[in-house]
């Protein structure tokens, strides 16, 4: 449960930082490989950037990197 709370807090903090302009949503969310037609129709750049940050954090956890 503590991990879930930490992830939800990361979502909240990241959204706040993106909305304040501390982070640039376009630089985080999009690349030359982005295919706009595959993105959810109602997703905003802030939404996409937020979940990109969360995904990067989760994929870099030791638990994700090792089998044991």
Protein backbone atom coordinates (compact mmCIF):
# COMPACT_ATOMS: atom_id res chain seq x y z
CA UNK A 1 0.00 0.00 0.00
CA UNK A 2 2.88 2.39 0.71
CA UNK A 3 4.19 1.95 -2.84
CA UNK A 4 0.79 2.81 -4.29
CA UNK A 5 0.63 5.98 -2.20
CA UNK A 6 4.10 6.97 -3.38
CA UNK A 7 3.12 6.50 -7.02
CA UNK A 8 -0.08 8.50 -6.54
CA UNK A 9 1.95 11.24 -4.87
CA UNK A 10 4.37 11.21 -7.82
CA UNK A 11 1.40 11.66 -10.19
CA UNK A 12 0.12 14.61 -8.13
CA UNK A 13 3.51 16.32 -7.81
CA UNK A 14 4.37 15.78 -11.47
CA UNK A 15 1.05 17.24 -12.64
CA UNK A 16 1.57 20.28 -10.42
CA UNK A 17 5.11 20.83 -11.74
CA UNK A 18 3.92 20.49 -15.34
CA UNK A 19 1.04 22.93 -14.81
CA UNK A 20 3.39 25.46 -13.18
CA UNK A 21 5.81 25.16 -16.09
CA UNK A 22 8.66 23.73 -14.00
CA UNK A 23 8.68 20.79 -16.41
CA UNK A 24 7.90 21.03 -20.11
CA UNK A 25 5.15 18.59 -21.07
CA UNK A 26 5.99 18.58 -24.76
CA UNK A 27 9.61 17.67 -24.15
CA UNK A 28 8.66 14.79 -21.88
CA UNK A 29 5.61 13.45 -23.71
CA UNK A 30 6.58 13.70 -27.35
CA UNK A 31 9.48 12.64 -29.55
CA UNK A 32 10.02 12.25 -33.27
CA UNK A 33 8.66 8.71 -32.84
CA UNK A 34 5.33 9.82 -31.33
CA UNK A 35 2.31 8.76 -33.35
CA UNK A 36 -0.50 11.17 -32.44
CA UNK A 37 -3.13 8.91 -33.99
CA UNK A 38 -2.31 6.23 -31.37
CA UNK A 39 -2.79 8.56 -28.38
CA UNK A 40 -6.10 8.64 -26.51
CA UNK A 41 -8.30 11.35 -28.05
CA UNK A 42 -8.94 13.19 -24.76
CA UNK A 43 -5.38 13.00 -23.42
CA UNK A 44 -3.66 16.33 -22.83
CA UNK A 45 0.10 16.86 -23.07
CA UNK A 46 0.13 17.16 -19.26
CA UNK A 47 -1.60 13.77 -18.92
CA UNK A 48 0.79 12.10 -21.34
CA UNK A 49 3.86 13.68 -19.72
CA UNK A 50 2.68 12.73 -16.23
CA UNK A 51 2.24 9.08 -17.11
CA UNK A 52 5.51 9.08 -19.06
CA UNK A 53 7.34 10.17 -15.89
CA UNK A 54 5.54 7.55 -13.78
CA UNK A 55 6.28 4.84 -16.35
CA UNK A 56 9.97 5.76 -16.42
CA UNK A 57 10.14 5.55 -12.63
CA UNK A 58 8.45 2.15 -12.55
CA UNK A 59 10.62 0.75 -15.31
CA UNK A 60 13.77 1.84 -13.49
CA UNK A 61 12.94 0.11 -10.21
CA UNK A 62 15.30 -2.67 -9.15
CA UNK A 63 12.29 -5.00 -9.04
CA UNK A 64 11.69 -4.34 -12.72
CA UNK A 65 15.33 -4.80 -13.67
CA UNK A 66 15.98 -8.11 -11.87
CA UNK A 67 14.22 -11.45 -11.83
CA UNK A 68 14.79 -12.22 -8.17
